[in-house]
């Protein structure tokens, strides 16, 4: 009986002591903010001399987004192409409006 009590205590201890990592949620608006910043940094004069991963790291830091959250959002958008298409069209429209670019029909 004593062994069962010890085993139950250990089981409860180990089940409570495991930290569950919080699930990373996709953040579509911030994903496109990072993407836009990456494009802007890539277009800058110094961009040909910079590593693309350094540019992405800078864009992520500017928008306080982790690489895991960016990757999770990208994977989410890849699994849901209809959401990706809708979000990308909104991104494209806002970028064109901001840059005063007319769409070609």
N, C-alpha and C. Protein backbone atom coordinates (compact mmCIF):
# COMPACT_ATOMS: atom_id res chain seq x y z
N UNK A 1 0.82 -1.19 0.00
CA UNK A 1 0.00 0.00 0.00
C UNK A 1 0.86 1.25 0.00
N UNK A 2 1.94 1.14 0.73
CA UNK A 2 2.85 2.27 0.83
C UNK A 2 3.49 2.59 -0.53
N UNK A 3 3.80 1.56 -1.28
CA UNK A 3 4.40 1.74 -2.60
C UNK A 3 3.42 2.43 -3.53
N UNK A 4 2.16 2.07 -3.46
CA UNK A 4 1.14 2.70 -4.30
C UNK A 4 1.02 4.18 -3.97
N UNK A 5 1.07 4.51 -2.69
CA UNK A 5 0.99 5.92 -2.29
C UNK A 5 2.18 6.71 -2.81
N UNK A 6 3.37 6.11 -2.74
CA UNK A 6 4.58 6.77 -3.24
C UNK A 6 4.49 6.93 -4.75
N UNK A 7 4.06 5.91 -5.46
CA UNK A 7 3.93 5.99 -6.91
C UNK A 7 2.89 7.03 -7.33
N UNK A 8 1.79 7.10 -6.62
CA UNK A 8 0.76 8.11 -6.92
C UNK A 8 1.30 9.51 -6.69
N UNK A 9 2.04 9.69 -5.62
CA UNK A 9 2.63 10.99 -5.32
C UNK A 9 3.62 11.39 -6.40
N UNK A 10 4.47 10.45 -6.82
CA UNK A 10 5.43 10.74 -7.89
C UNK A 10 4.72 11.03 -9.21
N UNK A 11 3.70 10.29 -9.51
CA UNK A 11 2.94 10.51 -10.74
C UNK A 11 2.32 11.89 -10.75
N UNK A 12 1.71 12.29 -9.65
CA UNK A 12 1.11 13.63 -9.56
C UNK A 12 2.19 14.70 -9.67
N UNK A 13 3.32 14.49 -9.01
CA UNK A 13 4.41 15.45 -9.06
C UNK A 13 4.92 15.63 -10.48
N UNK A 14 5.17 14.53 -11.19
CA UNK A 14 5.70 14.63 -12.55
C UNK A 14 4.68 15.18 -13.54
N UNK A 15 3.42 14.86 -13.35
CA UNK A 15 2.41 15.38 -14.27
C UNK A 15 2.20 16.88 -14.06
N UNK A 16 2.36 17.35 -12.85
CA UNK A 16 2.20 18.79 -12.57
C UNK A 16 3.46 19.58 -12.90
N UNK A 17 4.60 18.94 -12.86
CA UNK A 17 5.85 19.66 -13.06
C UNK A 17 6.19 19.88 -14.52
N UNK A 18 5.56 19.16 -15.41
CA UNK A 18 5.83 19.35 -16.84
C UNK A 18 5.21 20.66 -17.29
N UNK A 19 6.04 21.44 -17.90
CA UNK A 19 5.54 22.71 -18.43
C UNK A 19 5.10 22.49 -19.87
N UNK A 20 3.91 22.85 -20.13
CA UNK A 20 3.43 22.76 -21.49
C UNK A 20 3.75 24.07 -22.17
N UNK A 21 4.39 23.95 -23.31
CA UNK A 21 4.71 25.14 -24.08
C UNK A 21 3.40 25.70 -24.64
N UNK A 22 3.20 26.98 -24.50
CA UNK A 22 1.98 27.54 -25.08
C UNK A 22 2.02 27.42 -26.60
N UNK A 23 0.91 27.07 -27.16
CA UNK A 23 0.82 26.94 -28.60
C UNK A 23 1.04 28.30 -29.25
N UNK A 24 1.82 28.31 -30.30
CA UNK A 24 2.08 29.55 -31.03
C UNK A 24 0.90 29.77 -31.96
N UNK A 25 0.26 30.90 -31.81
CA UNK A 25 -0.92 31.22 -32.62
C UNK A 25 -0.50 32.00 -33.87
N UNK A 26 -1.15 31.74 -34.99
CA UNK A 26 -0.85 32.53 -36.18
C UNK A 26 -1.32 33.97 -36.01
N UNK A 27 -0.55 34.89 -36.52
CA UNK A 27 -0.88 36.32 -36.46
C UNK A 27 -0.74 36.88 -37.87
N UNK A 28 -1.83 36.82 -38.63
CA UNK A 28 -1.79 37.17 -40.05
C UNK A 28 -1.49 38.65 -40.27
N UNK A 29 -2.13 39.58 -39.56
CA UNK A 29 -1.79 41.00 -39.80
C UNK A 29 -0.31 41.31 -39.54
N UNK A 30 0.22 40.80 -38.45
CA UNK A 30 1.63 41.07 -38.14
C UNK A 30 2.54 40.36 -39.14
N UNK A 31 2.14 39.19 -39.61
CA UNK A 31 2.91 38.47 -40.63
C UNK A 31 3.12 39.36 -41.85
N UNK A 32 2.04 40.00 -42.30
CA UNK A 32 2.17 40.85 -43.48
C UNK A 32 2.90 42.16 -43.18
N UNK A 33 2.86 42.64 -41.95
CA UNK A 33 3.67 43.79 -41.57
C UNK A 33 5.15 43.44 -41.65
N UNK A 34 5.50 42.27 -41.14
CA UNK A 34 6.89 41.81 -41.22
C UNK A 34 7.30 41.64 -42.68
N UNK A 35 6.42 41.06 -43.47
CA UNK A 35 6.71 40.83 -44.89
C UNK A 35 6.95 42.16 -45.61
N UNK A 36 6.11 43.14 -45.33
CA UNK A 36 6.27 44.45 -45.95
C UNK A 36 7.59 45.10 -45.53
N UNK A 37 7.91 45.02 -44.26
CA UNK A 37 9.17 45.58 -43.78
C UNK A 37 10.36 44.87 -44.41
N UNK A 38 10.26 43.54 -44.56
CA UNK A 38 11.33 42.79 -45.22
C UNK A 38 11.52 43.28 -46.64
N UNK A 39 10.43 43.51 -47.35
CA UNK A 39 10.52 44.01 -48.73
C UNK A 39 11.18 45.37 -48.74
N UNK A 40 10.77 46.26 -47.83
CA UNK A 40 11.36 47.59 -47.76
C UNK A 40 12.85 47.53 -47.45
N UNK A 41 13.23 46.69 -46.50
CA UNK A 41 14.65 46.55 -46.16
C UNK A 41 15.44 45.96 -47.33
N UNK A 42 14.81 45.06 -48.04
CA UNK A 42 15.46 44.42 -49.18
C UNK A 42 15.68 45.42 -50.32
N UNK A 43 14.82 46.43 -50.42
CA UNK A 43 14.92 47.43 -51.47
C UNK A 43 15.91 48.55 -51.13
N UNK A 44 16.33 48.61 -49.89
CA UNK A 44 17.24 49.68 -49.45
C UNK A 44 18.59 49.56 -50.16
N UNK A 45 19.32 50.66 -50.17
CA UNK A 45 20.60 50.73 -50.87
C UNK A 45 21.61 49.69 -50.38
N UNK A 46 21.63 49.43 -49.09
CA UNK A 46 22.61 48.52 -48.52
C UNK A 46 22.21 47.04 -48.63
N UNK A 47 21.03 46.77 -49.14
CA UNK A 47 20.51 45.40 -49.17
C UNK A 47 21.36 44.40 -49.95
N UNK A 48 21.96 44.79 -51.08
CA UNK A 48 22.75 43.78 -51.80
C UNK A 48 23.92 43.21 -50.98
N UNK A 49 24.34 43.94 -49.98
CA UNK A 49 25.47 43.51 -49.17
C UNK A 49 25.04 42.79 -47.90
N UNK A 50 23.75 42.71 -47.65
CA UNK A 50 23.26 42.09 -46.42
C UNK A 50 22.69 40.70 -46.71
N UNK A 51 22.83 39.86 -45.72
CA UNK A 51 22.27 38.52 -45.77
C UNK A 51 20.75 38.63 -45.61
N UNK A 52 20.00 37.87 -46.40
CA UNK A 52 18.53 37.92 -46.35
C UNK A 52 18.01 37.50 -44.97
N UNK A 53 18.68 36.57 -44.32
CA UNK A 53 18.22 36.15 -42.99
C UNK A 53 18.41 37.28 -41.98
N UNK A 54 19.44 38.11 -42.16
CA UNK A 54 19.63 39.26 -41.27
C UNK A 54 18.53 40.29 -41.50
N UNK A 55 18.13 40.46 -42.75
CA UNK A 55 17.02 41.37 -43.05
C UNK A 55 15.72 40.87 -42.41
N UNK A 56 15.48 39.57 -42.50
CA UNK A 56 14.28 39.00 -41.92
C UNK A 56 14.32 39.12 -40.39
N UNK A 57 15.47 38.88 -39.80
CA UNK A 57 15.60 39.04 -38.35
C UNK A 57 15.29 40.47 -37.93
N UNK A 58 15.75 41.43 -38.72
CA UNK A 58 15.48 42.84 -38.42
C UNK A 58 13.99 43.14 -38.54
N UNK A 59 13.36 42.63 -39.59
CA UNK A 59 11.92 42.85 -39.78
C UNK A 59 11.12 42.22 -38.64
N UNK A 60 11.50 41.03 -38.23
CA UNK A 60 10.81 40.37 -37.12
C UNK A 60 10.98 41.17 -35.83
N UNK A 61 12.18 41.66 -35.58
CA UNK A 61 12.43 42.43 -34.36
C UNK A 61 11.65 43.74 -34.36
N UNK A 62 11.56 44.38 -35.51
CA UNK A 62 10.82 45.65 -35.59
C UNK A 62 9.35 45.47 -35.25
N UNK A 63 8.80 44.32 -35.53
CA UNK A 63 7.38 44.07 -35.28
C UNK A 63 7.15 43.13 -34.10
N UNK A 64 8.20 42.86 -33.35
CA UNK A 64 8.10 42.04 -32.15
C UNK A 64 7.41 40.70 -32.43
N UNK A 65 7.88 40.03 -33.47
CA UNK A 65 7.34 38.72 -33.85
C UNK A 65 8.48 37.72 -33.81
N UNK A 66 8.23 36.59 -33.21
CA UNK A 66 9.26 35.55 -33.13
C UNK A 66 9.32 34.78 -34.45
N UNK A 67 10.47 34.21 -34.77
CA UNK A 67 10.55 33.36 -35.96
C UNK A 67 9.55 32.20 -35.90
N UNK A 68 9.32 31.67 -34.71
CA UNK A 68 8.35 30.56 -34.57
C UNK A 68 6.95 31.02 -34.92
N UNK A 69 6.59 32.23 -34.50
CA UNK A 69 5.26 32.74 -34.81
C UNK A 69 5.14 33.03 -36.30
N UNK A 70 6.19 33.55 -36.91
CA UNK A 70 6.19 33.80 -38.35
C UNK A 70 6.02 32.48 -39.10
N UNK A 71 6.81 31.48 -38.72
CA UNK A 71 6.73 30.17 -39.39
C UNK A 71 5.38 29.50 -39.18
N UNK A 72 4.83 29.64 -37.98
CA UNK A 72 3.51 29.08 -37.69
C UNK A 72 2.45 29.74 -38.55
N UNK A 73 2.54 31.06 -38.69
CA UNK A 73 1.56 31.79 -39.50
C UNK A 73 1.70 31.39 -40.97
N UNK A 74 2.93 31.28 -41.44
CA UNK A 74 3.16 30.86 -42.82
C UNK A 74 2.59 29.46 -43.07
N UNK A 75 2.83 28.55 -42.15
CA UNK A 75 2.29 27.18 -42.29
C UNK A 75 0.76 27.20 -42.28
N UNK A 76 0.19 28.04 -41.41
CA UNK A 76 -1.27 28.17 -41.34
C UNK A 76 -1.82 28.67 -42.68
N UNK A 77 -1.17 29.68 -43.25
CA UNK A 77 -1.62 30.23 -44.52
C UNK A 77 -1.45 29.22 -45.66
N UNK A 78 -0.41 28.41 -45.59
CA UNK A 78 -0.22 27.37 -46.60
C UNK A 78 -1.31 26.30 -46.52
N UNK A 79 -1.79 26.02 -45.31
CA UNK A 79 -2.86 25.02 -45.13
C UNK A 79 -4.24 25.60 -45.46
N UNK A 80 -4.36 26.92 -45.47
CA UNK A 80 -5.64 27.58 -45.74
C UNK A 80 -5.46 28.59 -46.88
N UNK A 81 -5.37 28.10 -48.12
CA UNK A 81 -5.08 29.01 -49.24
C UNK A 81 -6.14 30.08 -49.45
N UNK A 82 -7.40 29.80 -49.08
CA UNK A 82 -8.44 30.81 -49.26
C UNK A 82 -8.22 31.99 -48.31
N UNK A 83 -7.76 31.71 -47.10
CA UNK A 83 -7.45 32.78 -46.14
C UNK A 83 -6.22 33.53 -46.61
N UNK A 84 -5.22 32.80 -47.11
CA UNK A 84 -4.01 33.43 -47.61
C UNK A 84 -4.33 34.37 -48.76
N UNK A 85 -5.14 33.91 -49.70
CA UNK A 85 -5.48 34.73 -50.86
C UNK A 85 -6.20 36.00 -50.44
N UNK A 86 -7.15 35.88 -49.55
CA UNK A 86 -7.89 37.04 -49.07
C UNK A 86 -6.96 38.02 -48.34
N UNK A 87 -6.12 37.51 -47.46
CA UNK A 87 -5.20 38.36 -46.71
C UNK A 87 -4.18 39.01 -47.64
N UNK A 88 -3.69 38.26 -48.62
CA UNK A 88 -2.71 38.82 -49.54
C UNK A 88 -3.33 39.89 -50.42
N UNK A 89 -4.57 39.70 -50.84
CA UNK A 89 -5.24 40.73 -51.64
C UNK A 89 -5.40 42.02 -50.84
N UNK A 90 -5.75 41.91 -49.57
CA UNK A 90 -5.85 43.10 -48.72
C UNK A 90 -4.49 43.76 -48.55
N UNK A 91 -3.46 42.97 -48.35
CA UNK A 91 -2.10 43.48 -48.24
C UNK A 91 -1.69 44.20 -49.52
N UNK A 92 -1.95 43.57 -50.65
CA UNK A 92 -1.60 44.14 -51.95
C UNK A 92 -2.35 45.44 -52.21
N UNK A 93 -3.64 45.45 -51.89
CA UNK A 93 -4.43 46.67 -52.09
C UNK A 93 -3.93 47.82 -51.22
N UNK A 94 -3.62 47.53 -49.97
CA UNK A 94 -3.15 48.60 -49.08
C UNK A 94 -1.76 49.08 -49.50
N UNK A 95 -0.92 48.19 -49.97
CA UNK A 95 0.41 48.58 -50.43
C UNK A 95 0.31 49.42 -51.69
N UNK A 96 -0.54 49.02 -52.62
CA UNK A 96 -0.74 49.81 -53.84
C UNK A 96 -1.29 51.20 -53.53
N UNK A 97 -2.24 51.27 -52.60
CA UNK A 97 -2.81 52.56 -52.23
C UNK A 97 -1.75 53.45 -51.58
N UNK A 98 -0.94 52.88 -50.72
CA UNK A 98 0.09 53.66 -50.04
C UNK A 98 1.15 54.16 -51.02
N UNK A 99 1.46 53.34 -52.02
CA UNK A 99 2.49 53.70 -53.00
C UNK A 99 1.91 54.37 -54.24
N UNK A 100 0.60 54.57 -54.27
CA UNK A 100 -0.09 55.21 -55.39
C UNK A 100 0.18 54.46 -56.71
N UNK A 101 0.02 53.16 -56.66
CA UNK A 101 0.21 52.31 -57.83
C UNK A 101 -1.16 51.86 -58.31
N UNK A 102 -1.43 52.11 -59.58
CA UNK A 102 -2.70 51.65 -60.15
C UNK A 102 -2.57 50.20 -60.55
N UNK A 103 -3.66 49.47 -60.37
CA UNK A 103 -3.64 48.07 -60.80
C UNK A 103 -3.92 47.99 -62.30
N UNK A 104 -3.31 47.02 -62.92
CA UNK A 104 -3.47 46.80 -64.36
C UNK A 104 -4.58 45.78 -64.54
N UNK A 105 -5.58 46.14 -65.31
CA UNK A 105 -6.71 45.22 -65.53
C UNK A 105 -6.51 44.39 -66.77
